[in-house]
All heavy atoms as atom14 arrays in JSON, in Angstrom:
{
  "sequence": "YNLSANTLERLPINRASVSLVAMNPLLIYSSVDGVDPSAIQNNATGFG",
  "atom14_mask": [
    [1, 1, 1, 1, 1, 1, 1, 1, 1, 1, 1, 1, 0, 0],
    [1, 1, 1, 1, 1, 1, 1, 1, 0, 0, 0, 0, 0, 0],
    [1, 1, 1, 1, 1, 1, 1, 1, 0, 0, 0, 0, 0, 0],
    [1, 1, 1, 1, 1, 1, 0, 0, 0, 0, 0, 0, 0, 0],
    [1, 1, 1, 1, 1, 0, 0, 0, 0, 0, 0, 0, 0, 0],
    [1, 1, 1, 1, 1, 1, 1, 1, 0, 0, 0, 0, 0, 0],
    [1, 1, 1, 1, 1, 1, 1, 0, 0, 0, 0, 0, 0, 0],
    [1, 1, 1, 1, 1, 1, 1, 1, 0, 0, 0, 0, 0, 0],
    [1, 1, 1, 1, 1, 1, 1, 1, 1, 0, 0, 0, 0, 0],
    [1, 1, 1, 1, 1, 1, 1, 1, 1, 1, 1, 0, 0, 0],
    [1, 1, 1, 1, 1, 1, 1, 1, 0, 0, 0, 0, 0, 0],
    [1, 1, 1, 1, 1, 1, 1, 0, 0, 0, 0, 0, 0, 0],
    [1, 1, 1, 1, 1, 1, 1, 1, 0, 0, 0, 0, 0, 0],
    [1, 1, 1, 1, 1, 1, 1, 1, 0, 0, 0, 0, 0, 0],
    [1, 1, 1, 1, 1, 1, 1, 1, 1, 1, 1, 0, 0, 0],
    [1, 1, 1, 1, 1, 0, 0, 0, 0, 0, 0, 0, 0, 0],
    [1, 1, 1, 1, 1, 1, 0, 0, 0, 0, 0, 0, 0, 0],
    [1, 1, 1, 1, 1, 1, 1, 0, 0, 0, 0, 0, 0, 0],
    [1, 1, 1, 1, 1, 1, 0, 0, 0, 0, 0, 0, 0, 0],
    [1, 1, 1, 1, 1, 1, 1, 1, 0, 0, 0, 0, 0, 0],
    [1, 1, 1, 1, 1, 1, 1, 0, 0, 0, 0, 0, 0, 0],
    [1, 1, 1, 1, 1, 0, 0, 0, 0, 0, 0, 0, 0, 0],
    [1, 1, 1, 1, 1, 1, 1, 1, 0, 0, 0, 0, 0, 0],
    [1, 1, 1, 1, 1, 1, 1, 1, 0, 0, 0, 0, 0, 0],
    [1, 1, 1, 1, 1, 1, 1, 0, 0, 0, 0, 0, 0, 0],
    [1, 1, 1, 1, 1, 1, 1, 1, 0, 0, 0, 0, 0, 0],
    [1, 1, 1, 1, 1, 1, 1, 1, 0, 0, 0, 0, 0, 0],
    [1, 1, 1, 1, 1, 1, 1, 1, 0, 0, 0, 0, 0, 0],
    [1, 1, 1, 1, 1, 1, 1, 1, 1, 1, 1, 1, 0, 0],
    [1, 1, 1, 1, 1, 1, 0, 0, 0, 0, 0, 0, 0, 0],
    [1, 1, 1, 1, 1, 1, 0, 0, 0, 0, 0, 0, 0, 0],
    [1, 1, 1, 1, 1, 1, 1, 0, 0, 0, 0, 0, 0, 0],
    [1, 1, 1, 1, 1, 1, 1, 1, 0, 0, 0, 0, 0, 0],
    [1, 1, 1, 1, 0, 0, 0, 0, 0, 0, 0, 0, 0, 0],
    [1, 1, 1, 1, 1, 1, 1, 0, 0, 0, 0, 0, 0, 0],
    [1, 1, 1, 1, 1, 1, 1, 1, 0, 0, 0, 0, 0, 0],
    [1, 1, 1, 1, 1, 1, 1, 0, 0, 0, 0, 0, 0, 0],
    [1, 1, 1, 1, 1, 1, 0, 0, 0, 0, 0, 0, 0, 0],
    [1, 1, 1, 1, 1, 0, 0, 0, 0, 0, 0, 0, 0, 0],
    [1, 1, 1, 1, 1, 1, 1, 1, 0, 0, 0, 0, 0, 0],
    [1, 1, 1, 1, 1, 1, 1, 1, 1, 0, 0, 0, 0, 0],
    [1, 1, 1, 1, 1, 1, 1, 1, 0, 0, 0, 0, 0, 0],
    [1, 1, 1, 1, 1, 1, 1, 1, 0, 0, 0, 0, 0, 0],
    [1, 1, 1, 1, 1, 0, 0, 0, 0, 0, 0, 0, 0, 0],
    [1, 1, 1, 1, 1, 1, 1, 0, 0, 0, 0, 0, 0, 0],
    [1, 1, 1, 1, 0, 0, 0, 0, 0, 0, 0, 0, 0, 0],
    [1, 1, 1, 1, 1, 1, 1, 1, 1, 1, 1, 0, 0, 0],
    [1, 1, 1, 1, 0, 0, 0, 0, 0, 0, 0, 0, 0, 0]
  ],
  "atom14_positions": [
    [[-5.0, 17.32, 0.34], [-5.55, 18.22, 1.6], [-4.76, 19.44, 1.45], [-3.47, 19.51, 1.4], [-5.1, 17.37, 2.89], [-5.35, 18.36, 4.06], [-6.63, 18.36, 4.57], [-4.39, 18.96, 4.74], [-6.98, 19.19, 5.55], [-4.64, 19.71, 5.81], [-5.91, 19.92, 6.21], [-6.25, 20.69, 7.32], [0.0, 0.0, 0.0], [0.0, 0.0, 0.0]],
    [[-5.44, 20.58, 1.38], [-4.94, 21.87, 1.32], [-4.85, 22.45, 2.84], [-5.84, 22.45, 3.46], [-5.79, 22.77, 0.49], [-5.73, 22.43, -0.98], [-4.66, 22.38, -1.5], [-7.04, 22.34, -1.53], [0.0, 0.0, 0.0], [0.0, 0.0, 0.0], [0.0, 0.0, 0.0], [0.0, 0.0, 0.0], [0.0, 0.0, 0.0], [0.0, 0.0, 0.0]],
    [[-3.59, 22.83, 3.14], [-3.38, 23.38, 4.44], [-4.07, 24.76, 4.57], [-4.13, 25.53, 3.61], [-1.9, 23.64, 4.72], [-1.18, 22.28, 5.24], [-1.05, 21.26, 4.15], [0.13, 22.67, 5.92], [0.0, 0.0, 0.0], [0.0, 0.0, 0.0], [0.0, 0.0, 0.0], [0.0, 0.0, 0.0], [0.0, 0.0, 0.0], [0.0, 0.0, 0.0]],
    [[-4.75, 25.08, 5.7], [-5.45, 26.23, 5.79], [-4.56, 27.46, 5.92], [-3.33, 27.31, 6.23], [-6.32, 26.19, 7.08], [-5.48, 26.21, 8.19], [0.0, 0.0, 0.0], [0.0, 0.0, 0.0], [0.0, 0.0, 0.0], [0.0, 0.0, 0.0], [0.0, 0.0, 0.0], [0.0, 0.0, 0.0], [0.0, 0.0, 0.0], [0.0, 0.0, 0.0]],
    [[-5.07, 28.74, 5.55], [-4.29, 29.88, 5.72], [-3.91, 30.23, 7.09], [-2.73, 30.68, 7.28], [-5.25, 31.05, 5.16], [0.0, 0.0, 0.0], [0.0, 0.0, 0.0], [0.0, 0.0, 0.0], [0.0, 0.0, 0.0], [0.0, 0.0, 0.0], [0.0, 0.0, 0.0], [0.0, 0.0, 0.0], [0.0, 0.0, 0.0], [0.0, 0.0, 0.0]],
    [[-4.67, 29.75, 8.1], [-4.28, 29.9, 9.49], [-3.04, 29.2, 9.79], [-2.19, 29.57, 10.57], [-5.35, 29.55, 10.49], [-6.6, 30.48, 10.34], [-6.46, 31.68, 9.87], [-7.72, 30.07, 10.77], [0.0, 0.0, 0.0], [0.0, 0.0, 0.0], [0.0, 0.0, 0.0], [0.0, 0.0, 0.0], [0.0, 0.0, 0.0], [0.0, 0.0, 0.0]],
    [[-2.98, 27.94, 9.19], [-1.76, 27.09, 9.53], [-0.47, 27.79, 8.83], [0.55, 27.58, 9.47], [-2.01, 25.69, 8.94], [-3.19, 25.14, 9.4], [-0.81, 24.76, 9.26], [0.0, 0.0, 0.0], [0.0, 0.0, 0.0], [0.0, 0.0, 0.0], [0.0, 0.0, 0.0], [0.0, 0.0, 0.0], [0.0, 0.0, 0.0], [0.0, 0.0, 0.0]],
    [[-0.61, 28.39, 7.79], [0.5, 28.96, 7.05], [0.75, 30.51, 7.46], [1.79, 30.85, 6.77], [0.13, 28.9, 5.52], [-0.13, 27.42, 4.98], [-0.55, 27.65, 3.5], [1.07, 26.62, 5.15], [0.0, 0.0, 0.0], [0.0, 0.0, 0.0], [0.0, 0.0, 0.0], [0.0, 0.0, 0.0], [0.0, 0.0, 0.0], [0.0, 0.0, 0.0]],
    [[0.17, 31.15, 8.24], [0.22, 32.6, 8.45], [1.58, 32.97, 8.95], [2.23, 33.99, 8.75], [-0.86, 33.13, 9.3], [-0.91, 32.57, 10.71], [-2.08, 33.15, 11.44], [-3.05, 33.66, 10.85], [-2.06, 33.12, 12.69], [0.0, 0.0, 0.0], [0.0, 0.0, 0.0], [0.0, 0.0, 0.0], [0.0, 0.0, 0.0], [0.0, 0.0, 0.0]],
    [[2.21, 31.91, 9.76], [3.61, 32.28, 10.34], [4.71, 31.89, 9.42], [5.98, 31.98, 9.73], [3.76, 31.67, 11.68], [2.83, 32.27, 12.61], [3.25, 31.75, 14.05], [1.97, 31.58, 14.79], [1.86, 31.02, 15.96], [2.93, 30.44, 16.56], [0.7, 30.92, 16.51], [0.0, 0.0, 0.0], [0.0, 0.0, 0.0], [0.0, 0.0, 0.0]],
    [[4.37, 31.24, 8.34], [5.38, 30.68, 7.33], [5.5, 31.59, 6.12], [4.59, 32.32, 5.81], [5.11, 29.2, 6.96], [4.99, 28.23, 8.03], [4.4, 26.94, 7.43], [6.3, 28.05, 8.76], [0.0, 0.0, 0.0], [0.0, 0.0, 0.0], [0.0, 0.0, 0.0], [0.0, 0.0, 0.0], [0.0, 0.0, 0.0], [0.0, 0.0, 0.0]],
    [[6.68, 31.62, 5.46], [6.85, 32.47, 4.33], [6.24, 31.79, 2.99], [6.7, 32.0, 1.98], [8.42, 32.61, 4.18], [8.98, 31.35, 4.74], [7.95, 30.94, 5.83], [0.0, 0.0, 0.0], [0.0, 0.0, 0.0], [0.0, 0.0, 0.0], [0.0, 0.0, 0.0], [0.0, 0.0, 0.0], [0.0, 0.0, 0.0], [0.0, 0.0, 0.0]],
    [[5.18, 31.17, 3.14], [4.5, 30.55, 1.95], [3.06, 30.96, 1.96], [2.41, 31.17, 2.88], [4.75, 28.96, 1.96], [4.14, 28.33, 3.2], [6.12, 28.54, 1.83], [4.21, 26.9, 3.32], [0.0, 0.0, 0.0], [0.0, 0.0, 0.0], [0.0, 0.0, 0.0], [0.0, 0.0, 0.0], [0.0, 0.0, 0.0], [0.0, 0.0, 0.0]],
    [[2.51, 30.89, 0.6], [1.12, 31.41, 0.47], [0.22, 30.19, 0.51], [-0.99, 30.33, 1.0], [0.93, 32.12, -0.83], [1.67, 33.37, -0.88], [1.92, 34.04, 0.16], [2.16, 33.78, -2.06], [0.0, 0.0, 0.0], [0.0, 0.0, 0.0], [0.0, 0.0, 0.0], [0.0, 0.0, 0.0], [0.0, 0.0, 0.0], [0.0, 0.0, 0.0]],
    [[0.61, 29.04, 0.01], [-0.3, 27.93, -0.07], [0.57, 26.59, 0.02], [1.75, 26.67, -0.36], [-1.18, 27.89, -1.22], [-0.41, 27.72, -2.6], [-1.25, 27.86, -3.71], [-0.57, 27.63, -5.06], [0.21, 28.4, -5.59], [0.5, 29.7, -4.95], [0.84, 28.2, -6.64], [0.0, 0.0, 0.0], [0.0, 0.0, 0.0], [0.0, 0.0, 0.0]],
    [[-0.01, 25.63, 0.51], [0.66, 24.3, 0.65], [-0.47, 23.19, 0.56], [-1.6, 23.32, 1.13], [1.42, 24.2, 1.76], [0.0, 0.0, 0.0], [0.0, 0.0, 0.0], [0.0, 0.0, 0.0], [0.0, 0.0, 0.0], [0.0, 0.0, 0.0], [0.0, 0.0, 0.0], [0.0, 0.0, 0.0], [0.0, 0.0, 0.0], [0.0, 0.0, 0.0]],
    [[-0.06, 22.09, -0.01], [-0.99, 20.9, -0.11], [-0.2, 19.64, 0.0], [0.88, 19.61, -0.45], [-1.92, 21.0, -1.3], [-1.06, 20.8, -2.45], [0.0, 0.0, 0.0], [0.0, 0.0, 0.0], [0.0, 0.0, 0.0], [0.0, 0.0, 0.0], [0.0, 0.0, 0.0], [0.0, 0.0, 0.0], [0.0, 0.0, 0.0], [0.0, 0.0, 0.0]],
    [[-0.81, 18.66, 0.47], [-0.28, 17.26, 0.59], [-1.26, 16.31, -0.25], [-2.41, 16.31, 0.03], [0.03, 16.78, 1.98], [0.56, 15.46, 1.97], [0.85, 17.73, 2.6], [0.0, 0.0, 0.0], [0.0, 0.0, 0.0], [0.0, 0.0, 0.0], [0.0, 0.0, 0.0], [0.0, 0.0, 0.0], [0.0, 0.0, 0.0], [0.0, 0.0, 0.0]],
    [[-0.75, 15.45, -1.06], [-1.61, 14.6, -1.84], [-1.02, 13.19, -1.84], [0.22, 13.01, -1.83], [-1.57, 14.96, -3.36], [-2.08, 16.28, -3.56], [0.0, 0.0, 0.0], [0.0, 0.0, 0.0], [0.0, 0.0, 0.0], [0.0, 0.0, 0.0], [0.0, 0.0, 0.0], [0.0, 0.0, 0.0], [0.0, 0.0, 0.0], [0.0, 0.0, 0.0]],
    [[-1.95, 12.17, -1.77], [-1.63, 10.83, -2.06], [-2.08, 10.48, -3.36], [-3.29, 10.9, -3.78], [-2.38, 9.92, -0.93], [-1.99, 10.19, 0.59], [-2.81, 9.24, 1.34], [-0.53, 9.81, 0.69], [0.0, 0.0, 0.0], [0.0, 0.0, 0.0], [0.0, 0.0, 0.0], [0.0, 0.0, 0.0], [0.0, 0.0, 0.0], [0.0, 0.0, 0.0]],
    [[-1.34, 9.77, -4.12], [-1.59, 9.48, -5.55], [-1.5, 7.98, -5.8], [-0.49, 7.39, -5.32], [-0.71, 10.26, -6.44], [-0.96, 9.96, -7.95], [-0.72, 11.66, -6.17], [0.0, 0.0, 0.0], [0.0, 0.0, 0.0], [0.0, 0.0, 0.0], [0.0, 0.0, 0.0], [0.0, 0.0, 0.0], [0.0, 0.0, 0.0], [0.0, 0.0, 0.0]],
    [[-2.49, 7.51, -6.49], [-2.49, 5.99, -6.84], [-2.78, 5.96, -8.32], [-3.66, 6.56, -8.96], [-3.51, 5.24, -6.22], [0.0, 0.0, 0.0], [0.0, 0.0, 0.0], [0.0, 0.0, 0.0], [0.0, 0.0, 0.0], [0.0, 0.0, 0.0], [0.0, 0.0, 0.0], [0.0, 0.0, 0.0], [0.0, 0.0, 0.0], [0.0, 0.0, 0.0]],
    [[-1.81, 5.32, -9.17], [-1.92, 5.16, -10.64], [-2.38, 3.69, -10.85], [-1.77, 2.75, -10.32], [-0.64, 5.41, -11.27], [-0.13, 6.91, -11.19], [-1.23, 8.05, -11.8], [-1.05, 7.91, -13.55], [0.0, 0.0, 0.0], [0.0, 0.0, 0.0], [0.0, 0.0, 0.0], [0.0, 0.0, 0.0], [0.0, 0.0, 0.0], [0.0, 0.0, 0.0]],
    [[-3.39, 3.48, -11.64], [-3.89, 2.15, -12.05], [-4.28, 1.32, -10.75], [-3.91, 0.15, -10.54], [-2.91, 1.3, -12.77], [-2.5, 2.11, -14.14], [-3.42, 2.58, -14.77], [-1.32, 2.16, -14.48], [0.0, 0.0, 0.0], [0.0, 0.0, 0.0], [0.0, 0.0, 0.0], [0.0, 0.0, 0.0], [0.0, 0.0, 0.0], [0.0, 0.0, 0.0]],
    [[-5.0, 1.99, -9.76], [-5.37, 1.25, -8.56], [-6.36, 0.1, -8.74], [-6.29, -0.81, -7.92], [-5.76, 2.3, -7.6], [-6.38, 3.39, -8.52], [-5.52, 3.26, -9.78], [0.0, 0.0, 0.0], [0.0, 0.0, 0.0], [0.0, 0.0, 0.0], [0.0, 0.0, 0.0], [0.0, 0.0, 0.0], [0.0, 0.0, 0.0], [0.0, 0.0, 0.0]],
    [[-7.15, 0.22, -9.8], [-8.26, -0.9, -9.85], [-8.73, -1.07, -11.35], [-9.07, -0.06, -11.95], [-9.41, -0.37, -9.03], [-10.57, -1.39, -8.9], [-10.23, -2.68, -8.34], [-11.71, -0.63, -8.15], [0.0, 0.0, 0.0], [0.0, 0.0, 0.0], [0.0, 0.0, 0.0], [0.0, 0.0, 0.0], [0.0, 0.0, 0.0], [0.0, 0.0, 0.0]],
    [[-8.68, -2.23, -11.67], [-9.22, -2.69, -13.03], [-10.56, -3.18, -12.6], [-10.69, -4.38, -12.04], [-8.4, -3.77, -13.61], [-8.92, -4.38, -14.96], [-9.06, -3.27, -16.02], [-8.17, -5.44, -15.47], [0.0, 0.0, 0.0], [0.0, 0.0, 0.0], [0.0, 0.0, 0.0], [0.0, 0.0, 0.0], [0.0, 0.0, 0.0], [0.0, 0.0, 0.0]],
    [[-11.61, -2.46, -12.83], [-12.97, -2.79, -12.34], [-13.61, -3.98, -13.22], [-14.27, -4.86, -12.76], [-13.84, -1.59, -12.37], [-13.35, -0.53, -11.44], [-15.33, -1.85, -12.06], [-13.84, 0.83, -11.69], [0.0, 0.0, 0.0], [0.0, 0.0, 0.0], [0.0, 0.0, 0.0], [0.0, 0.0, 0.0], [0.0, 0.0, 0.0], [0.0, 0.0, 0.0]],
    [[-13.38, -3.81, -14.47], [-13.99, -4.9, -15.41], [-13.07, -5.06, -16.69], [-12.59, -4.06, -17.2], [-15.36, -4.44, -15.99], [-15.87, -5.21, -17.07], [-16.5, -6.54, -16.92], [-15.7, -4.77, -18.41], [-16.76, -7.18, -17.95], [-16.19, -5.43, -19.49], [-16.66, -6.68, -19.24], [-17.1, -7.51, -20.3], [0.0, 0.0, 0.0], [0.0, 0.0, 0.0]],
    [[-12.78, -6.24, -17.02], [-12.1, -6.58, -18.26], [-12.85, -7.74, -18.86], [-13.2, -8.63, -18.21], [-10.72, -7.02, -17.97], [-10.08, -7.36, -19.16], [0.0, 0.0, 0.0], [0.0, 0.0, 0.0], [0.0, 0.0, 0.0], [0.0, 0.0, 0.0], [0.0, 0.0, 0.0], [0.0, 0.0, 0.0], [0.0, 0.0, 0.0], [0.0, 0.0, 0.0]],
    [[-13.14, -7.63, -20.19], [-13.86, -8.73, -20.88], [-12.94, -9.9, -21.04], [-13.48, -10.96, -21.51], [-14.33, -8.14, -22.24], [-13.26, -7.73, -23.02], [0.0, 0.0, 0.0], [0.0, 0.0, 0.0], [0.0, 0.0, 0.0], [0.0, 0.0, 0.0], [0.0, 0.0, 0.0], [0.0, 0.0, 0.0], [0.0, 0.0, 0.0], [0.0, 0.0, 0.0]],
    [[-11.71, -9.86, -20.78], [-10.73, -10.9, -20.92], [-10.23, -11.25, -19.53], [-9.66, -10.36, -19.04], [-9.73, -10.69, -21.93], [-8.81, -11.92, -22.14], [-10.2, -10.17, -23.3], [0.0, 0.0, 0.0], [0.0, 0.0, 0.0], [0.0, 0.0, 0.0], [0.0, 0.0, 0.0], [0.0, 0.0, 0.0], [0.0, 0.0, 0.0], [0.0, 0.0, 0.0]],
    [[-10.38, -12.44, -19.11], [-9.81, -12.75, -17.72], [-8.25, -12.64, -17.78], [-7.55, -13.19, -18.72], [-10.2, -14.19, -17.36], [-11.64, -14.34, -16.98], [-12.17, -13.26, -16.63], [-12.2, -15.44, -17.09], [0.0, 0.0, 0.0], [0.0, 0.0, 0.0], [0.0, 0.0, 0.0], [0.0, 0.0, 0.0], [0.0, 0.0, 0.0], [0.0, 0.0, 0.0]],
    [[-7.67, -12.11, -16.78], [-6.31, -12.09, -16.58], [-5.53, -11.1, -17.53], [-4.31, -11.02, -17.5], [0.0, 0.0, 0.0], [0.0, 0.0, 0.0], [0.0, 0.0, 0.0], [0.0, 0.0, 0.0], [0.0, 0.0, 0.0], [0.0, 0.0, 0.0], [0.0, 0.0, 0.0], [0.0, 0.0, 0.0], [0.0, 0.0, 0.0], [0.0, 0.0, 0.0]],
    [[-6.17, -10.22, -18.14], [-5.56, -9.23, -19.0], [-6.03, -7.87, -18.82], [-7.39, -7.68, -18.71], [-5.76, -9.67, -20.47], [-5.24, -8.67, -21.54], [-5.25, -11.04, -20.83], [0.0, 0.0, 0.0], [0.0, 0.0, 0.0], [0.0, 0.0, 0.0], [0.0, 0.0, 0.0], [0.0, 0.0, 0.0], [0.0, 0.0, 0.0], [0.0, 0.0, 0.0]],
    [[-5.36, -6.91, -18.76], [-5.56, -5.54, -18.73], [-5.51, -5.0, -20.12], [-4.4, -4.81, -20.64], [-4.75, -4.78, -17.75], [-5.04, -3.25, -17.64], [-5.89, -2.73, -18.47], [-4.31, -2.55, -17.04], [0.0, 0.0, 0.0], [0.0, 0.0, 0.0], [0.0, 0.0, 0.0], [0.0, 0.0, 0.0], [0.0, 0.0, 0.0], [0.0, 0.0, 0.0]],
    [[-6.63, -4.87, -20.85], [-6.64, -4.36, -22.29], [-5.85, -3.07, -22.45], [-5.04, -2.9, -23.55], [-8.03, -4.29, -22.72], [-8.69, -5.22, -21.83], [-8.03, -5.07, -20.57], [0.0, 0.0, 0.0], [0.0, 0.0, 0.0], [0.0, 0.0, 0.0], [0.0, 0.0, 0.0], [0.0, 0.0, 0.0], [0.0, 0.0, 0.0], [0.0, 0.0, 0.0]],
    [[-5.78, -2.28, -21.46], [-5.02, -0.97, -21.7], [-3.58, -1.2, -21.7], [-2.88, -0.3, -22.25], [-5.49, -0.01, -20.6], [-4.95, -0.35, -19.33], [0.0, 0.0, 0.0], [0.0, 0.0, 0.0], [0.0, 0.0, 0.0], [0.0, 0.0, 0.0], [0.0, 0.0, 0.0], [0.0, 0.0, 0.0], [0.0, 0.0, 0.0], [0.0, 0.0, 0.0]],
    [[-3.12, -2.31, -21.13], [-1.68, -2.47, -21.09], [-1.16, -3.08, -22.37], [0.04, -3.0, -22.64], [-1.34, -3.38, -19.94], [0.0, 0.0, 0.0], [0.0, 0.0, 0.0], [0.0, 0.0, 0.0], [0.0, 0.0, 0.0], [0.0, 0.0, 0.0], [0.0, 0.0, 0.0], [0.0, 0.0, 0.0], [0.0, 0.0, 0.0], [0.0, 0.0, 0.0]],
    [[-2.0, -3.63, -23.25], [-1.6, -4.24, -24.42], [-1.9, -3.51, -25.66], [-1.71, -4.02, -26.75], [-2.12, -5.76, -24.59], [-3.69, -5.8, -24.68], [-1.53, -6.64, -23.47], [-4.16, -7.19, -24.83], [0.0, 0.0, 0.0], [0.0, 0.0, 0.0], [0.0, 0.0, 0.0], [0.0, 0.0, 0.0], [0.0, 0.0, 0.0], [0.0, 0.0, 0.0]],
    [[-2.54, -2.32, -25.48], [-2.84, -1.69, -26.69], [-1.64, -0.87, -27.08], [-1.38, 0.23, -26.43], [-3.99, -0.6, -26.33], [-5.32, -1.35, -26.07], [-6.44, -0.61, -25.57], [-6.26, 0.57, -25.3], [-7.54, -1.15, -25.37], [0.0, 0.0, 0.0], [0.0, 0.0, 0.0], [0.0, 0.0, 0.0], [0.0, 0.0, 0.0], [0.0, 0.0, 0.0]],
    [[-1.06, -1.25, -28.11], [0.51, -0.93, -28.18], [0.82, -0.24, -29.57], [1.87, -0.49, -30.09], [1.27, -2.26, -28.01], [0.93, -3.27, -29.15], [0.02, -3.12, -29.92], [1.53, -4.44, -28.97], [0.0, 0.0, 0.0], [0.0, 0.0, 0.0], [0.0, 0.0, 0.0], [0.0, 0.0, 0.0], [0.0, 0.0, 0.0], [0.0, 0.0, 0.0]],
    [[-0.08, 0.57, -30.1], [0.47, 1.35, -31.26], [0.3, 2.89, -31.07], [-0.14, 3.26, -30.01], [-0.23, 0.82, -32.59], [-1.57, 1.03, -32.68], [-2.21, 1.87, -31.98], [-2.31, 0.45, -33.61], [0.0, 0.0, 0.0], [0.0, 0.0, 0.0], [0.0, 0.0, 0.0], [0.0, 0.0, 0.0], [0.0, 0.0, 0.0], [0.0, 0.0, 0.0]],
    [[0.55, 3.61, -32.16], [0.62, 5.02, -32.01], [-0.77, 5.58, -31.64], [-0.86, 6.56, -31.05], [1.11, 5.54, -33.36], [0.0, 0.0, 0.0], [0.0, 0.0, 0.0], [0.0, 0.0, 0.0], [0.0, 0.0, 0.0], [0.0, 0.0, 0.0], [0.0, 0.0, 0.0], [0.0, 0.0, 0.0], [0.0, 0.0, 0.0], [0.0, 0.0, 0.0]],
    [[-1.9, 4.91, -32.06], [-3.16, 5.59, -31.8], [-3.73, 5.04, -30.38], [-4.72, 5.49, -29.99], [-4.28, 5.14, -32.87], [-4.33, 3.67, -32.77], [-3.92, 5.52, -34.2], [0.0, 0.0, 0.0], [0.0, 0.0, 0.0], [0.0, 0.0, 0.0], [0.0, 0.0, 0.0], [0.0, 0.0, 0.0], [0.0, 0.0, 0.0], [0.0, 0.0, 0.0]],
    [[-2.91, 4.36, -29.72], [-3.29, 3.83, -28.34], [-4.07, 2.58, -28.4], [-4.58, 2.02, -27.35], [0.0, 0.0, 0.0], [0.0, 0.0, 0.0], [0.0, 0.0, 0.0], [0.0, 0.0, 0.0], [0.0, 0.0, 0.0], [0.0, 0.0, 0.0], [0.0, 0.0, 0.0], [0.0, 0.0, 0.0], [0.0, 0.0, 0.0], [0.0, 0.0, 0.0]],
    [[-4.4, 2.04, -29.56], [-5.37, 0.93, -29.7], [-4.68, -0.05, -30.76], [-4.73, 0.25, -31.97], [-6.65, 1.16, -29.93], [-7.58, -0.02, -29.87], [-8.11, -0.41, -28.66], [-7.87, -0.86, -30.99], [-8.81, -1.55, -28.49], [-8.58, -1.89, -30.84], [-9.16, -2.29, -29.72], [0.0, 0.0, 0.0], [0.0, 0.0, 0.0], [0.0, 0.0, 0.0]],
    [[-4.11, -1.11, -30.31], [-3.54, -2.08, -31.22], [-4.46, -3.36, -31.4], [-5.36, -3.43, -30.55], [0.0, 0.0, 0.0], [0.0, 0.0, 0.0], [0.0, 0.0, 0.0], [0.0, 0.0, 0.0], [0.0, 0.0, 0.0], [0.0, 0.0, 0.0], [0.0, 0.0, 0.0], [0.0, 0.0, 0.0], [0.0, 0.0, 0.0], [0.0, 0.0, 0.0]]
  ]
}
């Protein structure tokens, strides 16, 4: 969410934003039950 310019006009800042972030929130499909293939791909190329 970016704060509007009207909200910031009395403050000494030009822009401000607030973000909610989720990393790895959902494994939609995996061909192997109980395993996240991205978590076990373990070599330099990203795929073991």
